[in-house]
Amino acid sequence: MFDKSIIGNTIAELRRASGMTQAELADTLRVSHQAVSQWERGETLPDITLLPEIAAVFGTDVNRLFGISAPEPEPVVAAEDIPHKNVHDVEADGDYSCECDIGSADVDGDLTVRGNVLGDIDAGGSVSVTGYVEGNIDAGDSVSVGSYIRGDIDAGDDVVAGGNVDGDINAGDDVVVRGEVSGDIDAGGSVTAAGKVMGDIDAGDDVVVRGQVNGDVDAGGDVAVNGQVNGDVDAGGDVAINGQVVGDVDAGGDVAVNGNVRGDIDCGGDCTLGDEKHQVSISGSVDCGGDCTAFADIDGDLTVGGDLTLHGVVSGKIRCGGEITYK
């Protein structure tokens, strides 16, 4: 018989290492605080459909939750310590293309490398690397890298990174990262990140993050974050946060937050706070231009332009332009 305490002990270990409380983890996963407590005590097991989401919250895989260790990774060796006999630095007045690993690159035109780059890249045009980059990237046009980047990225157009980015990203247009970002993201277009972002996000269009954000989010379009936001959220469109927000939420459209909010909420459209299974708390006031459905306790005032359905307690004043339904 499987020992339920293995998963419970692993969840507790990962949660403490990430600095999350049981309540914060419960908010992120849309379950009760009691459920998380029972998992960690080995009394019950999470629903099998929740396991991938739990693993994603902690940046690991499902095998880790079952106590199965991942294969020991090969040690990371600094680029300058790797004995690549055929690696050389590249300088070119125009475009440059190769099918090998190179050192640093300084080209006036486009750079195409079907291999890895072990140093910095400075290109007047676009950059395309099928492997990893061990340094910074500065490009006048778009950047596409198949694996991780150890430094910052500064691009005049789109950025696509196939792995983690250890620095900041500054792009003239869209940013897509199929991993985590250790710094800030500043994009003229949209931002899509498959993992957590450790800094701020400033985007001219939509923002989608499938993990937590450890800074502020400022977007000209919609914002969707499947995790906690440790800062303010300011969006020209809709906001959907599947976790708590440690700051204010300001949206031109609808707002849906399935977690606690340690600030005020101001939205031009409808507002949905919590759900039937998850009662949340709002530390500030809520100002909603449309209808509001609140499975929430609100410490400040509640102003609603449309109808209000309230499942909770409001400590301040309630102002409603439509009908009020108390549950």
C-alpha atoms as a PDB file:
ATOM      1  CA  MET A   1       0.000   0.000   0.000  1.00  0.00           C
ATOM      2  CA  PHE A   2       1.256   3.473  -0.869  1.00  0.00           C
ATOM      3  CA  ASP A   3       2.358   5.545   2.110  1.00  0.00           C
ATOM      4  CA  LYS A   4       0.245   8.742   1.998  1.00  0.00           C
ATOM      5  CA  SER A   5       2.735  10.524   4.233  1.00  0.00           C
ATOM      6  CA  ILE A   6       5.302  10.600   1.387  1.00  0.00           C
ATOM      7  CA  ILE A   7       3.295  13.100  -0.664  1.00  0.00           C
ATOM      8  CA  GLY A   8       2.244  14.997   2.466  1.00  0.00           C
ATOM      9  CA  ASN A   9       5.808  15.334   3.752  1.00  0.00           C
ATOM     10  CA  THR A  10       7.047  16.407   0.302  1.00  0.00           C
ATOM     11  CA  ILE A  11       4.347  19.076  -0.054  1.00  0.00           C
ATOM     12  CA  ALA A  12       5.145  20.408   3.430  1.00  0.00           C
ATOM     13  CA  GLU A  13       8.887  20.480   2.649  1.00  0.00           C
ATOM     14  CA  LEU A  14       8.410  22.296  -0.674  1.00  0.00           C
ATOM     15  CA  ARG A  15       5.908  24.736   0.821  1.00  0.00           C
ATOM     16  CA  ARG A  16       8.222  25.733   3.674  1.00  0.00           C
ATOM     17  CA  ALA A  17      11.172  26.072   1.297  1.00  0.00           C
ATOM     18  CA  SER A  18       9.143  28.451  -0.883  1.00  0.00           C
ATOM     19  CA  GLY A  19       8.076  30.557   2.111  1.00  0.00           C
ATOM     20  CA  MET A  20       4.362  29.878   1.580  1.00  0.00           C
ATOM     21  CA  THR A  21       1.833  29.316   4.355  1.00  0.00           C
ATOM     22  CA  GLN A  22      -0.747  26.544   4.193  1.00  0.00           C
ATOM     23  CA  ALA A  23      -3.418  29.186   3.594  1.00  0.00           C
ATOM     24  CA  GLU A  24      -1.479  30.717   0.682  1.00  0.00           C
ATOM     25  CA  LEU A  25      -0.980  27.324  -0.932  1.00  0.00           C
ATOM     26  CA  ALA A  26      -4.681  26.566  -0.462  1.00  0.00           C
ATOM     27  CA  ASP A  27      -5.619  29.865  -2.154  1.00  0.00           C
ATOM     28  CA  THR A  28      -3.328  29.133  -5.096  1.00  0.00           C
ATOM     29  CA  LEU A  29      -4.759  25.631  -5.590  1.00  0.00           C
ATOM     30  CA  ARG A  30      -8.374  26.682  -4.907  1.00  0.00           C
ATOM     31  CA  VAL A  31      -8.782  24.214  -2.057  1.00  0.00           C
ATOM     32  CA  SER A  32      -9.485  24.677   1.642  1.00  0.00           C
ATOM     33  CA  HIS A  33      -6.811  25.327   4.256  1.00  0.00           C
ATOM     34  CA  GLN A  34      -8.001  22.141   5.993  1.00  0.00           C
ATOM     35  CA  ALA A  35      -7.336  20.081   2.847  1.00  0.00           C
ATOM     36  CA  VAL A  36      -3.687  21.199   2.714  1.00  0.00           C
ATOM     37  CA  SER A  37      -3.292  20.485   6.424  1.00  0.00           C
ATOM     38  CA  GLN A  38      -4.724  16.972   5.981  1.00  0.00           C
ATOM     39  CA  TRP A  39      -2.367  16.280   3.055  1.00  0.00           C
ATOM     40  CA  GLU A  40       0.673  17.334   5.047  1.00  0.00           C
ATOM     41  CA  ARG A  41      -0.393  15.167   8.013  1.00  0.00           C
ATOM     42  CA  GLY A  42      -0.810  12.175   5.714  1.00  0.00           C
ATOM     43  CA  GLU A  43      -4.526  11.859   6.466  1.00  0.00           C
ATOM     44  CA  THR A  44      -5.699  12.321   2.876  1.00  0.00           C
ATOM     45  CA  LEU A  45      -4.224  12.608  -0.607  1.00  0.00           C
ATOM     46  CA  PRO A  46      -4.704  15.443  -3.118  1.00  0.00           C
ATOM     47  CA  ASP A  47      -6.995  14.721  -6.048  1.00  0.00           C
ATOM     48  CA  ILE A  48      -4.888  13.186  -8.821  1.00  0.00           C
ATOM     49  CA  THR A  49      -5.857  16.017 -11.188  1.00  0.00           C
ATOM     50  CA  LEU A  50      -4.258  18.513  -8.766  1.00  0.00           C
ATOM     51  CA  LEU A  51      -0.824  16.864  -8.729  1.00  0.00           C
ATOM     52  CA  PRO A  52       0.546  18.584 -11.885  1.00  0.00           C
ATOM     53  CA  GLU A  53      -0.641  21.976 -10.573  1.00  0.00           C
ATOM     54  CA  ILE A  54       0.948  21.366  -7.148  1.00  0.00           C
ATOM     55  CA  ALA A  55       4.218  20.415  -8.852  1.00  0.00           C
ATOM     56  CA  ALA A  56       4.054  23.531 -11.041  1.00  0.00           C
ATOM     57  CA  VAL A  57       3.565  25.815  -8.018  1.00  0.00           C
ATOM     58  CA  PHE A  58       6.897  24.609  -6.604  1.00  0.00           C
ATOM     59  CA  GLY A  59       8.714  24.424  -9.944  1.00  0.00           C
ATOM     60  CA  THR A  60       9.153  20.661  -9.820  1.00  0.00           C
ATOM     61  CA  ASP A  61       7.549  17.566 -11.382  1.00  0.00           C
ATOM     62  CA  VAL A  62       5.007  15.013 -10.194  1.00  0.00           C
ATOM     63  CA  ASN A  63       7.712  12.384  -9.576  1.00  0.00           C
ATOM     64  CA  ARG A  64       9.177  14.647  -6.899  1.00  0.00           C
ATOM     65  CA  LEU A  65       5.836  14.659  -5.048  1.00  0.00           C
ATOM     66  CA  PHE A  66       5.987  10.854  -4.876  1.00  0.00           C
ATOM     67  CA  GLY A  67       9.488  11.021  -3.425  1.00  0.00           C
ATOM     68  CA  ILE A  68      11.138   9.893  -6.660  1.00  0.00           C
ATOM     69  CA  SER A  69      14.389  11.770  -7.130  1.00  0.00           C
ATOM     70  CA  ALA A  70      15.227  13.156 -10.529  1.00  0.00           C
ATOM     71  CA  PRO A  71      18.456  11.935 -12.162  1.00  0.00           C
ATOM     72  CA  GLU A  72      21.492  13.767 -10.864  1.00  0.00           C
ATOM     73  CA  PRO A  73      22.084  16.659 -13.282  1.00  0.00           C
ATOM     74  CA  GLU A  74      25.444  17.147 -14.869  1.00  0.00           C
ATOM     75  CA  PRO A  75      27.427  19.860 -13.114  1.00  0.00           C
ATOM     76  CA  VAL A  76      27.184  23.310 -14.650  1.00  0.00           C
ATOM     77  CA  VAL A  77      30.562  24.440 -15.904  1.00  0.00           C
ATOM     78  CA  ALA A  78      31.380  28.045 -16.701  1.00  0.00           C
ATOM     79  CA  ALA A  79      31.781  28.695 -20.398  1.00  0.00           C
ATOM     80  CA  GLU A  80      35.391  29.762 -20.031  1.00  0.00           C
ATOM     81  CA  ASP A  81      36.235  26.434 -18.371  1.00  0.00           C
ATOM     82  CA  ILE A  82      34.826  24.278 -21.170  1.00  0.00           C
ATOM     83  CA  PRO A  83      37.632  22.906 -23.380  1.00  0.00           C
ATOM     84  CA  HIS A  84      35.945  23.505 -26.776  1.00  0.00           C
ATOM     85  CA  LYS A  85      38.797  23.165 -29.234  1.00  0.00           C
ATOM     86  CA  ASN A  86      36.816  24.602 -32.128  1.00  0.00           C
ATOM     87  CA  VAL A  87      35.092  27.446 -30.301  1.00  0.00           C
ATOM     88  CA  HIS A  88      36.026  30.920 -31.485  1.00  0.00           C
ATOM     89  CA  ASP A  89      34.757  34.455 -31.085  1.00  0.00           C
ATOM     90  CA  VAL A  90      32.913  35.933 -34.036  1.00  0.00           C
ATOM     91  CA  GLU A  91      33.079  39.411 -35.580  1.00  0.00           C
ATOM     92  CA  ALA A  92      31.318  40.277 -38.827  1.00  0.00           C
ATOM     93  CA  ASP A  93      30.468  43.452 -40.733  1.00  0.00           C
ATOM     94  CA  GLY A  94      27.237  41.899 -42.049  1.00  0.00           C
ATOM     95  CA  ASP A  95      25.296  38.691 -41.363  1.00  0.00           C
ATOM     96  CA  TYR A  96      26.923  35.610 -39.855  1.00  0.00           C
ATOM     97  CA  SER A  97      25.716  31.984 -39.843  1.00  0.00           C
ATOM     98  CA  CYS A  98      27.348  28.772 -38.568  1.00  0.00           C
ATOM     99  CA  GLU A  99      26.587  25.211 -37.491  1.00  0.00           C
ATOM    100  CA  CYS A 100      28.840  24.985 -34.470  1.00  0.00           C
ATOM    101  CA  ASP A 101      29.370  26.340 -30.955  1.00  0.00           C
ATOM    102  CA  ILE A 102      30.963  29.778 -30.778  1.00  0.00           C
ATOM    103  CA  GLY A 103      32.320  32.082 -28.090  1.00  0.00           C
ATOM    104  CA  SER A 104      31.101  35.681 -28.089  1.00  0.00           C
ATOM    105  CA  ALA A 105      29.598  37.307 -31.189  1.00  0.00           C
ATOM    106  CA  ASP A 106      29.693  40.898 -32.463  1.00  0.00           C
ATOM    107  CA  VAL A 107      27.979  41.259 -35.836  1.00  0.00           C
ATOM    108  CA  ASP A 108      26.480  44.236 -37.656  1.00  0.00           C
ATOM    109  CA  GLY A 109      23.717  42.154 -39.251  1.00  0.00           C
ATOM    110  CA  ASP A 110      21.803  38.961 -38.384  1.00  0.00           C
ATOM    111  CA  LEU A 111      23.333  36.129 -36.349  1.00  0.00           C
ATOM    112  CA  THR A 112      22.280  32.504 -36.888  1.00  0.00           C
ATOM    113  CA  VAL A 113      23.944  29.800 -34.789  1.00  0.00           C
ATOM    114  CA  ARG A 114      22.940  26.137 -34.989  1.00  0.00           C
ATOM    115  CA  GLY A 115      24.648  25.377 -31.723  1.00  0.00           C
ATOM    116  CA  ASN A 116      25.491  27.117 -28.445  1.00  0.00           C
ATOM    117  CA  VAL A 117      26.954  30.534 -27.696  1.00  0.00           C
ATOM    118  CA  LEU A 118      29.399  30.593 -24.780  1.00  0.00           C
ATOM    119  CA  GLY A 119      29.644  34.369 -24.384  1.00  0.00           C
ATOM    120  CA  ASP A 120      27.789  37.606 -25.083  1.00  0.00           C
ATOM    121  CA  ILE A 121      25.956  38.449 -28.308  1.00  0.00           C
ATOM    122  CA  ASP A 122      25.810  41.927 -29.845  1.00  0.00           C
ATOM    123  CA  ALA A 123      23.951  42.016 -33.167  1.00  0.00           C
ATOM    124  CA  GLY A 124      22.618  44.865 -35.269  1.00  0.00           C
ATOM    125  CA  GLY A 125      19.890  42.612 -36.649  1.00  0.00           C
ATOM    126  CA  SER A 126      18.139  39.459 -35.473  1.00  0.00           C
ATOM    127  CA  VAL A 127      19.574  36.623 -33.346  1.00  0.00           C
ATOM    128  CA  SER A 128      18.693  32.950 -33.780  1.00  0.00           C
ATOM    129  CA  VAL A 129      20.422  30.304 -31.620  1.00  0.00           C
ATOM    130  CA  THR A 130      19.230  26.695 -31.493  1.00  0.00           C
ATOM    131  CA  GLY A 131      21.027  25.927 -28.222  1.00  0.00           C
ATOM    132  CA  TYR A 132      21.838  27.933 -25.093  1.00  0.00           C
ATOM    133  CA  VAL A 133      23.512  31.302 -24.534  1.00  0.00           C
ATOM    134  CA  GLU A 134      25.892  31.743 -21.592  1.00  0.00           C
ATOM    135  CA  GLY A 135      25.934  35.555 -21.685  1.00  0.00           C
ATOM    136  CA  ASN A 136      23.900  38.645 -22.500  1.00  0.00           C
ATOM    137  CA  ILE A 137      22.079  39.296 -25.781  1.00  0.00           C
ATOM    138  CA  ASP A 138      21.752  42.744 -27.374  1.00  0.00           C
ATOM    139  CA  ALA A 139      19.956  42.723 -30.728  1.00  0.00           C
ATOM    140  CA  GLY A 140      18.489  45.409 -32.964  1.00  0.00           C
ATOM    141  CA  ASP A 141      15.761  43.030 -34.132  1.00  0.00           C
ATOM    142  CA  SER A 142      14.170  39.807 -32.846  1.00  0.00           C
ATOM    143  CA  VAL A 143      15.779  37.162 -30.601  1.00  0.00           C
ATOM    144  CA  SER A 144      15.051  33.425 -30.670  1.00  0.00           C
ATOM    145  CA  VAL A 145      16.965  31.004 -28.430  1.00  0.00           C
ATOM    146  CA  GLY A 146      16.135  27.305 -28.171  1.00  0.00           C
ATOM    147  CA  SER A 147      17.323  26.801 -24.595  1.00  0.00           C
ATOM    148  CA  TYR A 148      18.341  28.884 -21.569  1.00  0.00           C
ATOM    149  CA  ILE A 149      19.984  32.326 -21.415  1.00  0.00           C
ATOM    150  CA  ARG A 150      22.351  33.098 -18.535  1.00  0.00           C
ATOM    151  CA  GLY A 151      22.178  36.894 -18.889  1.00  0.00           C
ATOM    152  CA  ASP A 152      19.959  39.786 -19.970  1.00  0.00           C
ATOM    153  CA  ILE A 153      18.104  40.130 -23.274  1.00  0.00           C
ATOM    154  CA  ASP A 154      17.645  43.480 -25.033  1.00  0.00           C
ATOM    155  CA  ALA A 155      15.847  43.195 -28.364  1.00  0.00           C
ATOM    156  CA  GLY A 156      14.288  45.665 -30.774  1.00  0.00           C
ATOM    157  CA  ASP A 157      11.502  43.234 -31.647  1.00  0.00           C
ATOM    158  CA  ASP A 158      10.148  39.880 -30.391  1.00  0.00           C
ATOM    159  CA  VAL A 159      11.894  37.599 -27.887  1.00  0.00           C
ATOM    160  CA  VAL A 160      11.381  33.824 -27.750  1.00  0.00           C
ATOM    161  CA  ALA A 161      13.315  31.829 -25.140  1.00  0.00           C
ATOM    162  CA  GLY A 162      13.018  28.051 -24.979  1.00  0.00           C
ATOM    163  CA  GLY A 163      14.269  27.828 -21.394  1.00  0.00           C
ATOM    164  CA  ASN A 164      14.939  29.897 -18.286  1.00  0.00           C
ATOM    165  CA  VAL A 165      16.236  33.463 -18.516  1.00  0.00           C
ATOM    166  CA  ASP A 166      18.564  34.404 -15.651  1.00  0.00           C
ATOM    167  CA  GLY A 167      18.385  38.170 -16.218  1.00  0.00           C
ATOM    168  CA  ASP A 168      16.057  40.922 -17.419  1.00  0.00           C
ATOM    169  CA  ILE A 169      14.175  40.977 -20.723  1.00  0.00           C
ATOM    170  CA  ASN A 170      13.611  44.203 -22.675  1.00  0.00           C
ATOM    171  CA  ALA A 171      11.755  43.728 -25.964  1.00  0.00           C
ATOM    172  CA  GLY A 172      10.223  46.080 -28.494  1.00  0.00           C
ATOM    173  CA  ASP A 173       7.341  43.695 -29.093  1.00  0.00           C
ATOM    174  CA  ASP A 174       6.155  40.307 -27.777  1.00  0.00           C
ATOM    175  CA  VAL A 175       7.963  38.089 -25.251  1.00  0.00           C
ATOM    176  CA  VAL A 176       7.497  34.314 -24.978  1.00  0.00           C
ATOM    177  CA  VAL A 177       9.480  32.376 -22.358  1.00  0.00           C
ATOM    178  CA  ARG A 178       9.062  28.617 -21.991  1.00  0.00           C
ATOM    179  CA  GLY A 179      10.621  28.665 -18.555  1.00  0.00           C
ATOM    180  CA  GLU A 180      11.222  31.012 -15.617  1.00  0.00           C
ATOM    181  CA  VAL A 181      12.540  34.574 -15.632  1.00  0.00           C
ATOM    182  CA  SER A 182      14.823  35.688 -12.794  1.00  0.00           C
ATOM    183  CA  GLY A 183      14.519  39.403 -13.548  1.00  0.00           C
ATOM    184  CA  ASP A 184      12.091  41.978 -14.926  1.00  0.00           C
ATOM    185  CA  ILE A 185      10.216  41.846 -18.247  1.00  0.00           C
ATOM    186  CA  ASP A 186       9.574  45.032 -20.236  1.00  0.00           C
ATOM    187  CA  ALA A 187       7.750  44.413 -23.523  1.00  0.00           C
ATOM    188  CA  GLY A 188       6.134  46.674 -26.064  1.00  0.00           C
ATOM    189  CA  GLY A 189       3.675  43.870 -26.891  1.00  0.00           C
ATOM    190  CA  SER A 190       2.393  40.831 -25.028  1.00  0.00           C
ATOM    191  CA  VAL A 191       4.156  38.656 -22.441  1.00  0.00           C
ATOM    192  CA  THR A 192       3.710  34.894 -22.074  1.00  0.00           C
ATOM    193  CA  ALA A 193       5.745  32.976 -19.484  1.00  0.00           C
ATOM    194  CA  ALA A 194       5.426  29.250 -18.739  1.00  0.00           C
ATOM    195  CA  GLY A 195       7.054  29.601 -15.318  1.00  0.00           C
ATOM    196  CA  LYS A 196       7.299  32.129 -12.541  1.00  0.00           C
ATOM    197  CA  VAL A 197       8.674  35.640 -12.998  1.00  0.00           C
ATOM    198  CA  MET A 198      10.859  36.899 -10.163  1.00  0.00           C
ATOM    199  CA  GLY A 199      10.612  40.606 -11.030  1.00  0.00           C
ATOM    200  CA  ASP A 200       8.170  43.163 -12.446  1.00  0.00           C
ATOM    201  CA  ILE A 201       6.268  42.854 -15.730  1.00  0.00           C
ATOM    202  CA  ASP A 202       5.495  45.889 -17.904  1.00  0.00           C
ATOM    203  CA  ALA A 203       3.710  45.063 -21.165  1.00  0.00           C
ATOM    204  CA  GLY A 204       1.957  47.084 -23.826  1.00  0.00           C
ATOM    205  CA  ASP A 205      -0.538  44.275 -24.432  1.00  0.00           C
ATOM    206  CA  ASP A 206      -1.693  41.093 -22.664  1.00  0.00           C
ATOM    207  CA  VAL A 207       0.204  39.259 -19.920  1.00  0.00           C
ATOM    208  CA  VAL A 208      -0.149  35.502 -19.300  1.00  0.00           C
ATOM    209  CA  VAL A 209       1.993  33.850 -16.616  1.00  0.00           C
ATOM    210  CA  ARG A 210       1.548  30.190 -15.660  1.00  0.00           C
ATOM    211  CA  GLY A 211       3.242  30.689 -12.313  1.00  0.00           C
ATOM    212  CA  GLN A 212       3.634  33.324  -9.645  1.00  0.00           C
ATOM    213  CA  VAL A 213       4.934  36.860 -10.172  1.00  0.00           C
ATOM    214  CA  ASN A 214       7.184  38.320  -7.475  1.00  0.00           C
ATOM    215  CA  GLY A 215       6.677  41.937  -8.522  1.00  0.00           C
ATOM    216  CA  ASP A 216       4.191  44.354 -10.070  1.00  0.00           C
ATOM    217  CA  VAL A 217       2.255  43.673 -13.274  1.00  0.00           C
ATOM    218  CA  ASP A 218       1.399  46.595 -15.579  1.00  0.00           C
ATOM    219  CA  ALA A 219      -0.324  45.709 -18.852  1.00  0.00           C
ATOM    220  CA  GLY A 220      -2.107  47.610 -21.586  1.00  0.00           C
ATOM    221  CA  GLY A 221      -4.371  44.607 -22.199  1.00  0.00           C
ATOM    222  CA  ASP A 222      -5.566  41.630 -20.142  1.00  0.00           C
ATOM    223  CA  VAL A 223      -3.675  39.982 -17.279  1.00  0.00           C
ATOM    224  CA  ALA A 224      -3.940  36.275 -16.380  1.00  0.00           C
ATOM    225  CA  VAL A 225      -1.680  34.816 -13.677  1.00  0.00           C
ATOM    226  CA  ASN A 226      -1.974  31.235 -12.441  1.00  0.00           C
ATOM    227  CA  GLY A 227      -0.351  31.935  -9.099  1.00  0.00           C
ATOM    228  CA  GLN A 228       0.364  34.576  -6.502  1.00  0.00           C
ATOM    229  CA  VAL A 229       1.263  38.168  -7.404  1.00  0.00           C
ATOM    230  CA  ASN A 230       3.571  39.869  -4.889  1.00  0.00           C
ATOM    231  CA  GLY A 231       2.810  43.383  -6.049  1.00  0.00           C
ATOM    232  CA  ASP A 232       0.213  45.594  -7.705  1.00  0.00           C
ATOM    233  CA  VAL A 233      -1.736  44.676 -10.845  1.00  0.00           C
ATOM    234  CA  ASP A 234      -2.676  47.444 -13.304  1.00  0.00           C
ATOM    235  CA  ALA A 235      -4.392  46.405 -16.541  1.00  0.00           C
ATOM    236  CA  GLY A 236      -6.208  48.182 -19.340  1.00  0.00           C
ATOM    237  CA  GLY A 237      -8.380  45.107 -19.872  1.00  0.00           C
ATOM    238  CA  ASP A 238      -9.513  42.167 -17.752  1.00  0.00           C
ATOM    239  CA  VAL A 239      -7.647  40.681 -14.788  1.00  0.00           C
ATOM    240  CA  ALA A 240      -7.790  37.020 -13.722  1.00  0.00           C
ATOM    241  CA  ILE A 241      -5.574  35.930 -10.818  1.00  0.00           C
ATOM    242  CA  ASN A 242      -5.648  32.348  -9.532  1.00  0.00           C
ATOM    243  CA  GLY A 243      -3.943  33.147  -6.233  1.00  0.00           C
ATOM    244  CA  GLN A 244      -3.528  35.967  -3.777  1.00  0.00           C
ATOM    245  CA  VAL A 245      -2.440  39.506  -4.646  1.00  0.00           C
ATOM    246  CA  VAL A 246      -0.114  41.351  -2.267  1.00  0.00           C
ATOM    247  CA  GLY A 247      -1.079  44.792  -3.530  1.00  0.00           C
ATOM    248  CA  ASP A 248      -3.799  46.713  -5.360  1.00  0.00           C
ATOM    249  CA  VAL A 249      -5.734  45.604  -8.447  1.00  0.00           C
ATOM    250  CA  ASP A 250      -6.767  48.243 -11.030  1.00  0.00           C
ATOM    251  CA  ALA A 251      -8.463  47.069 -14.238  1.00  0.00           C
ATOM    252  CA  GLY A 252     -10.318  48.749 -17.067  1.00  0.00           C
ATOM    253  CA  GLY A 253     -12.392  45.596 -17.577  1.00  0.00           C
ATOM    254  CA  ASP A 254     -13.504  42.662 -15.429  1.00  0.00           C
ATOM    255  CA  VAL A 255     -11.666  41.349 -12.377  1.00  0.00           C
ATOM    256  CA  ALA A 256     -11.690  37.754 -11.099  1.00  0.00           C
ATOM    257  CA  VAL A 257      -9.461  36.913  -8.156  1.00  0.00           C
ATOM    258  CA  ASN A 258      -9.470  33.507  -6.483  1.00  0.00           C
ATOM    259  CA  GLY A 259      -7.317  34.456  -3.517  1.00  0.00           C
ATOM    260  CA  ASN A 260      -6.846  37.093  -0.845  1.00  0.00           C
ATOM    261  CA  VAL A 261      -6.095  40.677  -1.886  1.00  0.00           C
ATOM    262  CA  ARG A 262      -3.958  42.830   0.413  1.00  0.00           C
ATOM    263  CA  GLY A 263      -5.054  46.102  -1.133  1.00  0.00           C
ATOM    264  CA  ASP A 264      -7.851  47.841  -3.019  1.00  0.00           C
ATOM    265  CA  ILE A 265      -9.697  46.644  -6.126  1.00  0.00           C
ATOM    266  CA  ASP A 266     -10.912  49.084  -8.790  1.00  0.00           C
ATOM    267  CA  CYS A 267     -12.441  47.789 -12.015  1.00  0.00           C
ATOM    268  CA  GLY A 268     -14.544  49.186 -14.830  1.00  0.00           C
ATOM    269  CA  GLY A 269     -16.424  45.932 -15.457  1.00  0.00           C
ATOM    270  CA  ASP A 270     -17.718  43.033 -13.391  1.00  0.00           C
ATOM    271  CA  CYS A 271     -15.931  41.744 -10.292  1.00  0.00           C
ATOM    272  CA  THR A 272     -15.815  38.151  -9.034  1.00  0.00           C
ATOM    273  CA  LEU A 273     -14.044  37.453  -5.752  1.00  0.00           C
ATOM    274  CA  GLY A 274     -13.566  33.866  -4.613  1.00  0.00           C
ATOM    275  CA  ASP A 275     -16.103  31.136  -5.357  1.00  0.00           C
ATOM    276  CA  GLU A 276     -18.434  28.738  -3.579  1.00  0.00           C
ATOM    277  CA  LYS A 277     -15.529  26.642  -2.316  1.00  0.00           C
ATOM    278  CA  HIS A 278     -13.129  29.463  -1.490  1.00  0.00           C
ATOM    279  CA  GLN A 279     -14.016  32.387   0.729  1.00  0.00           C
ATOM    280  CA  VAL A 280     -11.392  35.116   0.336  1.00  0.00           C
ATOM    281  CA  SER A 281     -10.521  38.309   2.204  1.00  0.00           C
ATOM    282  CA  ILE A 282      -9.948  41.801   0.808  1.00  0.00           C
ATOM    283  CA  SER A 283      -7.852  44.117   2.993  1.00  0.00           C
ATOM    284  CA  GLY A 284      -8.962  47.302   1.235  1.00  0.00           C
ATOM    285  CA  SER A 285     -11.989  48.677  -0.593  1.00  0.00           C
ATOM    286  CA  VAL A 286     -13.683  47.412  -3.750  1.00  0.00           C
ATOM    287  CA  ASP A 287     -15.001  49.735  -6.485  1.00  0.00           C
ATOM    288  CA  CYS A 288     -16.741  47.866  -9.298  1.00  0.00           C
ATOM    289  CA  GLY A 289     -18.328  49.491 -12.343  1.00  0.00           C
ATOM    290  CA  GLY A 290     -20.485  46.468 -13.213  1.00  0.00           C
ATOM    291  CA  ASP A 291     -21.959  43.560 -11.281  1.00  0.00           C
ATOM    292  CA  CYS A 292     -20.151  42.079  -8.295  1.00  0.00           C
ATOM    293  CA  THR A 293     -20.237  38.543  -6.904  1.00  0.00           C
ATOM    294  CA  ALA A 294     -18.203  38.385  -3.722  1.00  0.00           C
ATOM    295  CA  PHE A 295     -17.481  35.237  -1.753  1.00  0.00           C
ATOM    296  CA  ALA A 296     -15.401  37.514   0.405  1.00  0.00           C
ATOM    297  CA  ASP A 297     -14.974  39.463   3.608  1.00  0.00           C
ATOM    298  CA  ILE A 298     -14.098  43.064   2.740  1.00  0.00           C
ATOM    299  CA  ASP A 299     -12.344  45.327   5.261  1.00  0.00           C
ATOM    300  CA  GLY A 300     -13.117  48.559   3.418  1.00  0.00           C
ATOM    301  CA  ASP A 301     -16.016  50.004   1.439  1.00  0.00           C
ATOM    302  CA  LEU A 302     -17.846  48.207  -1.376  1.00  0.00           C
ATOM    303  CA  THR A 303     -19.111  50.276  -4.319  1.00  0.00           C
ATOM    304  CA  VAL A 304     -20.949  48.506  -7.139  1.00  0.00           C
ATOM    305  CA  GLY A 305     -22.419  50.078 -10.271  1.00  0.00           C
ATOM    306  CA  GLY A 306     -24.647  47.087 -11.057  1.00  0.00           C
ATOM    307  CA  ASP A 307     -26.072  44.214  -9.030  1.00  0.00           C
ATOM    308  CA  LEU A 308     -24.383  42.802  -5.933  1.00  0.00           C
ATOM    309  CA  THR A 309     -24.405  39.220  -4.672  1.00  0.00           C
ATOM    310  CA  LEU A 310     -22.616  39.069  -1.337  1.00  0.00           C
ATOM    311  CA  HIS A 311     -21.432  35.986   0.517  1.00  0.00           C
ATOM    312  CA  GLY A 312     -19.491  37.598   3.340  1.00  0.00           C
ATOM    313  CA  VAL A 313     -19.084  40.614   5.574  1.00  0.00           C
ATOM    314  CA  VAL A 314     -18.288  44.197   4.557  1.00  0.00           C
ATOM    315  CA  SER A 315     -16.732  46.300   7.324  1.00  0.00           C
ATOM    316  CA  GLY A 316     -17.242  49.611   5.499  1.00  0.00           C
ATOM    317  CA  LYS A 317     -20.095  51.177   3.575  1.00  0.00           C
ATOM    318  CA  ILE A 318     -21.988  49.457   0.767  1.00  0.00           C
ATOM    319  CA  ARG A 319     -23.097  51.517  -2.248  1.00  0.00           C
ATOM    320  CA  CYS A 320     -24.952  49.677  -5.013  1.00  0.00           C
ATOM    321  CA  GLY A 321     -26.588  50.946  -8.209  1.00  0.00           C
ATOM    322  CA  GLY A 322     -28.618  47.749  -8.665  1.00  0.00           C
ATOM    323  CA  GLU A 323     -30.110  44.972  -6.580  1.00  0.00           C
ATOM    324  CA  ILE A 324     -28.389  43.545  -3.509  1.00  0.00           C
ATOM    325  CA  THR A 325     -28.627  39.836  -2.689  1.00  0.00           C
ATOM    326  CA  TYR A 326     -27.221  38.565   0.584  1.00  0.00           C
ATOM    327  CA  LYS A 327     -26.382  34.887   0.816  1.00  0.00           C
END
